[in-house]
Amino acid sequence: MKLKDKVMFITGGSRGIGLAIGKRAAKDGAKVVLAAKTAEPHPKLPGTIYTAAKEIEEEGGVALPCVLDVRDEQNVKEVINEAVSHFGGIDICVNNASAISLTSTVDTDMKRYDLMHQINGRGTYLVSKYCIPHLKNSDNAHILNLAPPLDMKAKWFAPHLAYTMAKFTMSMCVLGMAEELKPFGIAVNALWPRTAVATAAVKNVLGGEEMMQGSRFPEIMADAAYEIFCKDPSTFTGNFCIDDLVLYDAGIRDFSQYASKPYSELFLDFFLPDDTPLPEEIKNS
């Protein structure tokens, strides 16, 4: 129950990985702020902030659903102030909201380019900026960005340059803020999945049902995030974590619980450095 009564602020928390992270914290009795745009049901996307809040409370947590557009500075300030007023502070900030378009330079219209950069990089910076004053008052202060390791190989940039730049901006926030916030005992880390994760983005953007079947469940990211939040923020900071390696370090050896297919049949995610360790227990799960 390490996260009991801790206040977690999650962007894009109405579904997928963000909701899974909130539900895992809720099992400890955490207070979860679900800050996302989806207040009304979407024809292609499951869940709203209100259905997500119900799931959080069913797991034993306390939820505060808030409509948030991470591109809107005034909206960000208002929602963070509402969270602090409601729960008394913020202990953990999860920058999960993200936009994706796997298009070439010529095929990426500037409206989509701007959307990815406004949500991914700018949104992460903006939400972190206004959470930091409250995190300074916490004894377990963490910022976690759902962002990849900074692997500067051309193969990650060439096929979808705009998306890669937008995601790597989130990663650069980790690199800079971790060092900037060390004197305040605020941990800033990144978490990224080794494989594709079964989310609406994977289903609707990347590859439909076949891709979903070759993906791990969002719970692997949630369990890895939980392990990070339980670490000492004064010492565990500035890390670019891979989900199954976090769990491996925590003693997990059977990863079959996180997928319906064996590891050999799963799709690897983007941005995974070539030298990422692959323990035999993960490989053979």
Protein backbone atom coordinates (compact mmCIF):
# COMPACT_ATOMS: atom_id res chain seq x y z
CA MET A 1 0.00 0.00 0.00
CA LYS A 2 2.92 2.33 -0.72
CA LEU A 3 0.80 4.76 -2.71
CA LYS A 4 -2.08 5.02 -0.24
CA ASP A 5 -3.44 8.58 -0.20
CA LYS A 6 -0.81 9.73 -2.72
CA VAL A 7 -2.23 12.08 -5.35
CA MET A 8 -1.53 11.06 -8.94
CA PHE A 9 -2.20 13.46 -11.82
CA ILE A 10 -2.51 11.59 -15.14
CA THR A 11 -2.95 13.20 -18.56
CA GLY A 12 -4.83 11.15 -21.11
CA GLY A 13 -6.11 8.96 -18.30
CA SER A 14 -9.49 7.98 -19.69
CA ARG A 15 -8.29 4.78 -21.36
CA GLY A 16 -5.32 2.59 -22.25
CA ILE A 17 -2.00 2.88 -20.47
CA GLY A 18 -2.95 6.01 -18.53
CA LEU A 19 -6.04 4.37 -17.06
CA ALA A 20 -4.12 1.16 -16.30
CA ILE A 21 -1.52 3.16 -14.36
CA GLY A 22 -4.29 4.89 -12.41
CA LYS A 23 -6.02 1.60 -11.62
CA ARG A 24 -2.79 0.05 -10.34
CA ALA A 25 -2.24 3.00 -8.00
CA ALA A 26 -5.89 2.80 -6.94
CA LYS A 27 -5.30 -0.69 -5.55
CA ASP A 28 -3.13 1.00 -2.92
CA GLY A 29 -5.83 3.55 -2.19
CA ALA A 30 -4.30 6.37 -4.23
CA LYS A 31 -6.16 9.54 -5.19
CA VAL A 32 -6.19 9.78 -8.97
CA VAL A 33 -6.83 12.86 -11.09
CA LEU A 34 -7.97 11.74 -14.54
CA ALA A 35 -7.19 14.71 -16.77
CA ALA A 36 -8.23 14.09 -20.36
CA LYS A 37 -10.33 15.50 -23.20
CA THR A 38 -12.90 12.73 -23.47
CA ALA A 39 -15.97 13.80 -21.49
CA GLU A 40 -18.49 12.44 -24.01
CA PRO A 41 -18.36 8.94 -25.55
CA HIS A 42 -16.26 8.77 -28.73
CA PRO A 43 -17.45 6.65 -31.69
CA LYS A 44 -14.04 4.97 -32.11
CA LEU A 45 -12.46 5.25 -28.66
CA PRO A 46 -13.64 3.44 -25.53
CA GLY A 47 -14.25 5.22 -22.24
CA THR A 48 -14.56 8.75 -20.88
CA ILE A 49 -13.06 10.42 -17.82
CA TYR A 50 -16.25 9.48 -15.98
CA THR A 51 -16.20 5.78 -16.85
CA ALA A 52 -12.49 5.78 -16.00
CA ALA A 53 -13.25 7.38 -12.62
CA LYS A 54 -15.71 4.58 -11.88
CA GLU A 55 -13.02 1.98 -12.67
CA ILE A 56 -10.56 3.76 -10.38
CA GLU A 57 -13.03 3.71 -7.52
CA GLU A 58 -13.87 0.05 -8.12
CA GLU A 59 -10.19 -0.72 -7.55
CA GLY A 60 -10.22 1.08 -4.19
CA GLY A 61 -8.98 4.52 -5.16
CA VAL A 62 -10.54 7.97 -5.14
CA ALA A 63 -11.00 9.63 -8.53
CA LEU A 64 -11.35 13.19 -9.73
CA PRO A 65 -12.31 13.36 -13.42
CA CYS A 66 -11.28 16.64 -15.09
CA VAL A 67 -11.69 17.81 -18.67
CA LEU A 68 -8.22 18.85 -19.85
CA ASP A 69 -6.70 19.98 -23.12
CA VAL A 70 -2.94 19.90 -22.48
CA ARG A 71 -2.47 22.48 -25.26
CA ASP A 72 -4.38 25.12 -23.29
CA GLU A 73 -2.20 26.79 -20.64
CA GLN A 74 -5.10 28.36 -18.76
CA ASN A 75 -6.97 25.04 -18.73
CA VAL A 76 -3.86 23.27 -17.40
CA LYS A 77 -3.46 25.79 -14.59
CA GLU A 78 -7.14 25.58 -13.66
CA VAL A 79 -7.23 21.78 -13.57
CA ILE A 80 -4.04 21.50 -11.52
CA ASN A 81 -5.41 24.07 -9.09
CA GLU A 82 -8.66 22.11 -8.90
CA ALA A 83 -6.75 18.92 -8.15
CA VAL A 84 -4.72 20.60 -5.40
CA SER A 85 -7.82 22.21 -3.92
CA HIS A 86 -9.67 18.88 -3.96
CA PHE A 87 -6.92 16.54 -2.73
CA GLY A 88 -4.51 18.90 -0.97
CA GLY A 89 -1.51 18.49 -3.26
CA ILE A 90 0.13 16.46 -6.03
CA ASP A 91 2.66 13.68 -5.46
CA ILE A 92 2.97 12.09 -8.89
CA CYS A 93 2.62 13.57 -12.38
CA VAL A 94 2.18 11.13 -15.28
CA ASN A 95 2.59 12.67 -18.73
CA ASN A 96 0.77 10.08 -20.78
CA ALA A 97 -1.20 12.18 -23.31
CA SER A 98 0.23 11.79 -26.78
CA ALA A 99 -0.64 12.17 -30.47
CA ILE A 100 0.71 10.00 -33.27
CA SER A 101 0.95 10.12 -37.04
CA LEU A 102 3.37 7.73 -38.74
CA THR A 103 3.74 9.77 -41.90
CA SER A 104 6.69 10.93 -43.98
CA THR A 105 7.76 14.56 -44.15
CA VAL A 106 5.84 15.21 -47.38
CA ASP A 107 2.74 13.40 -46.13
CA THR A 108 2.56 15.10 -42.72
CA ASP A 109 0.29 18.12 -42.96
CA MET A 110 1.27 20.97 -40.68
CA LYS A 111 -1.95 20.77 -38.68
CA ARG A 112 -0.99 17.24 -37.64
CA TYR A 113 2.63 18.28 -37.08
CA ASP A 114 1.48 21.08 -34.76
CA LEU A 115 -0.93 18.77 -32.92
CA MET A 116 1.81 16.23 -32.14
CA HIS A 117 4.23 18.86 -30.92
CA GLN A 118 1.60 20.73 -28.91
CA ILE A 119 0.40 17.59 -27.13
CA ASN A 120 3.57 15.51 -26.82
CA GLY A 121 6.38 17.93 -26.15
CA ARG A 122 4.68 21.19 -25.20
CA GLY A 123 1.93 19.47 -23.24
CA THR A 124 4.44 17.48 -21.20
CA TYR A 125 6.47 20.59 -20.49
CA LEU A 126 3.38 22.62 -19.60
CA VAL A 127 1.80 20.10 -17.23
CA SER A 128 5.14 19.44 -15.54
CA LYS A 129 5.79 23.17 -15.17
CA TYR A 130 2.60 23.75 -13.18
CA CYS A 131 2.85 20.51 -11.18
CA ILE A 132 6.41 21.18 -9.99
CA PRO A 133 5.55 23.77 -7.29
CA HIS A 134 3.20 21.21 -5.71
CA LEU A 135 5.59 18.29 -6.17
CA LYS A 136 8.15 20.21 -4.12
CA ASN A 137 5.86 19.74 -1.11
CA SER A 138 5.65 15.95 -1.51
CA ASP A 139 7.77 13.31 0.23
CA ASN A 140 7.37 10.98 -2.78
CA ALA A 141 7.56 13.31 -5.78
CA HIS A 142 7.71 11.72 -9.22
CA ILE A 143 7.25 12.88 -12.80
CA LEU A 144 6.90 10.02 -15.26
CA ASN A 145 6.83 10.63 -19.01
CA LEU A 146 5.63 7.90 -21.36
CA ALA A 147 8.58 8.54 -23.63
CA PRO A 148 11.32 6.53 -25.37
CA PRO A 149 15.06 6.36 -24.76
CA LEU A 150 16.99 9.02 -26.66
CA ASP A 151 18.51 6.79 -29.35
CA MET A 152 19.77 9.10 -32.09
CA LYS A 153 19.75 6.69 -34.99
CA ALA A 154 18.47 7.82 -38.39
CA LYS A 155 16.22 4.74 -38.68
CA TRP A 156 13.95 6.15 -35.96
CA PHE A 157 13.64 9.53 -37.68
CA ALA A 158 13.44 8.76 -41.40
CA PRO A 159 10.02 7.01 -41.61
CA HIS A 160 8.09 9.45 -39.38
CA LEU A 161 10.25 12.45 -38.60
CA ALA A 162 7.55 14.68 -37.11
CA TYR A 163 6.32 11.99 -34.68
CA THR A 164 9.83 11.06 -33.59
CA MET A 165 10.74 14.67 -32.88
CA ALA A 166 7.55 15.10 -30.86
CA LYS A 167 8.16 11.98 -28.75
CA PHE A 168 11.84 12.75 -28.26
CA THR A 169 10.87 16.19 -26.97
CA MET A 170 9.13 14.36 -24.12
CA SER A 171 12.35 12.41 -23.58
CA MET A 172 14.43 15.58 -23.51
CA CYS A 173 12.12 16.90 -20.78
CA VAL A 174 13.19 13.89 -18.71
CA LEU A 175 16.87 14.51 -19.38
CA GLY A 176 16.71 18.18 -18.43
CA MET A 177 14.14 18.19 -15.64
CA ALA A 178 15.74 15.25 -13.83
CA GLU A 179 18.91 17.26 -13.38
CA GLU A 180 17.09 20.54 -12.75
CA LEU A 181 14.87 19.07 -10.03
CA LYS A 182 17.44 16.93 -8.20
CA PRO A 183 17.93 19.57 -5.47
CA PHE A 184 14.23 19.31 -4.65
CA GLY A 185 14.11 15.52 -4.45
CA ILE A 186 11.74 15.26 -7.42
CA ALA A 187 12.35 12.20 -9.60
CA VAL A 188 11.85 12.54 -13.35
CA ASN A 189 11.93 9.32 -15.36
CA ALA A 190 10.73 7.91 -18.67
CA LEU A 191 8.94 4.62 -19.25
CA TRP A 192 8.63 2.91 -22.61
CA PRO A 193 7.31 -0.51 -23.66
CA ARG A 194 9.54 -3.11 -25.28
CA THR A 195 6.63 -4.35 -27.39
CA ALA A 196 3.48 -2.84 -28.79
CA VAL A 197 0.78 -2.37 -26.15
CA ALA A 198 -2.88 -3.16 -26.81
CA THR A 199 -4.42 0.32 -26.84
CA ALA A 200 -6.86 2.22 -29.02
CA ALA A 201 -3.95 3.87 -30.83
CA VAL A 202 -2.52 0.49 -31.79
CA LYS A 203 -5.89 -0.73 -32.99
CA ASN A 204 -6.94 2.39 -34.89
CA VAL A 205 -3.63 3.77 -36.16
CA LEU A 206 -1.00 1.05 -36.30
CA GLY A 207 -2.47 -2.25 -37.38
CA GLY A 208 -5.92 -3.30 -36.28
CA GLU A 209 -6.73 -6.63 -34.64
CA GLU A 210 -3.58 -8.40 -35.85
CA MET A 211 -1.43 -5.79 -34.13
CA MET A 212 -3.57 -6.00 -31.00
CA GLN A 213 -3.05 -9.76 -30.83
CA GLY A 214 0.70 -9.25 -31.08
CA SER A 215 0.74 -6.67 -28.28
CA ARG A 216 1.14 -6.91 -24.54
CA PHE A 217 -1.62 -5.78 -22.19
CA PRO A 218 -1.45 -2.23 -20.73
CA GLU A 219 -1.02 -3.78 -17.26
CA ILE A 220 2.68 -4.39 -17.94
CA MET A 221 3.21 -0.64 -18.20
CA ALA A 222 1.05 -0.04 -15.13
CA ASP A 223 3.00 -2.53 -13.02
CA ALA A 224 6.32 -1.07 -14.21
CA ALA A 225 5.16 2.47 -13.43
CA TYR A 226 4.11 1.34 -9.95
CA GLU A 227 7.60 -0.04 -9.31
CA ILE A 228 9.09 3.30 -10.35
CA PHE A 229 6.77 5.25 -8.04
CA CYS A 230 7.84 3.05 -5.13
CA LYS A 231 11.51 3.93 -5.59
CA ASP A 232 13.30 6.69 -3.69
CA PRO A 233 12.84 9.85 -5.79
CA SER A 234 16.08 11.34 -4.48
CA THR A 235 18.15 8.54 -6.01
CA PHE A 236 16.12 7.00 -8.85
CA THR A 237 15.87 9.80 -11.39
CA GLY A 238 16.90 10.55 -14.96
CA ASN A 239 16.29 6.97 -16.13
CA PHE A 240 14.88 5.80 -19.44
CA CYS A 241 13.14 2.62 -18.34
CA ILE A 242 11.86 -0.29 -20.41
CA ASP A 243 8.74 -1.88 -18.95
CA ASP A 244 9.78 -5.53 -18.67
CA LEU A 245 13.29 -4.67 -17.47
CA VAL A 246 11.81 -2.66 -14.58
CA LEU A 247 9.73 -5.68 -13.63
CA TYR A 248 12.66 -8.06 -14.14
CA ASP A 249 14.71 -5.96 -11.72
CA ALA A 250 11.77 -6.18 -9.30
CA GLY A 251 11.93 -9.98 -9.37
CA ILE A 252 9.34 -10.86 -12.03
CA ARG A 253 10.37 -13.84 -14.16
CA ASP A 254 7.11 -14.98 -15.77
CA PHE A 255 5.92 -12.45 -18.34
CA SER A 256 3.28 -14.67 -19.96
CA GLN A 257 0.62 -12.96 -17.81
CA TYR A 258 1.06 -9.80 -19.87
CA ALA A 259 0.24 -11.18 -23.32
CA SER A 260 -1.91 -13.73 -25.09
CA LYS A 261 1.00 -14.86 -27.27
CA PRO A 262 4.61 -15.83 -26.52
CA TYR A 263 7.31 -13.17 -26.72
CA SER A 264 8.56 -14.49 -30.08
CA GLU A 265 5.21 -13.58 -31.68
CA LEU A 266 4.95 -10.06 -30.29
CA PHE A 267 5.60 -6.86 -32.25
CA LEU A 268 8.53 -4.79 -30.96
CA ASP A 269 7.88 -1.13 -30.33
CA PHE A 270 9.58 1.82 -31.99
CA PHE A 271 12.68 3.49 -30.54
CA LEU A 272 14.05 0.42 -28.74
CA PRO A 273 17.86 0.76 -28.73
CA ASP A 274 19.74 -2.15 -30.32
CA ASP A 275 21.66 -2.80 -27.11
CA THR A 276 18.56 -3.11 -24.88
CA PRO A 277 19.14 -6.17 -22.66
CA LEU A 278 16.85 -9.17 -23.18
CA PRO A 279 17.06 -11.64 -20.28
CA GLU A 280 16.28 -15.28 -21.15
CA GLU A 281 13.23 -15.31 -18.87
CA ILE A 282 11.67 -12.48 -20.88
CA LYS A 283 12.67 -14.00 -24.22
CA ASN A 284 11.19 -17.37 -23.30
CA SER A 285 7.92 -16.10 -21.78
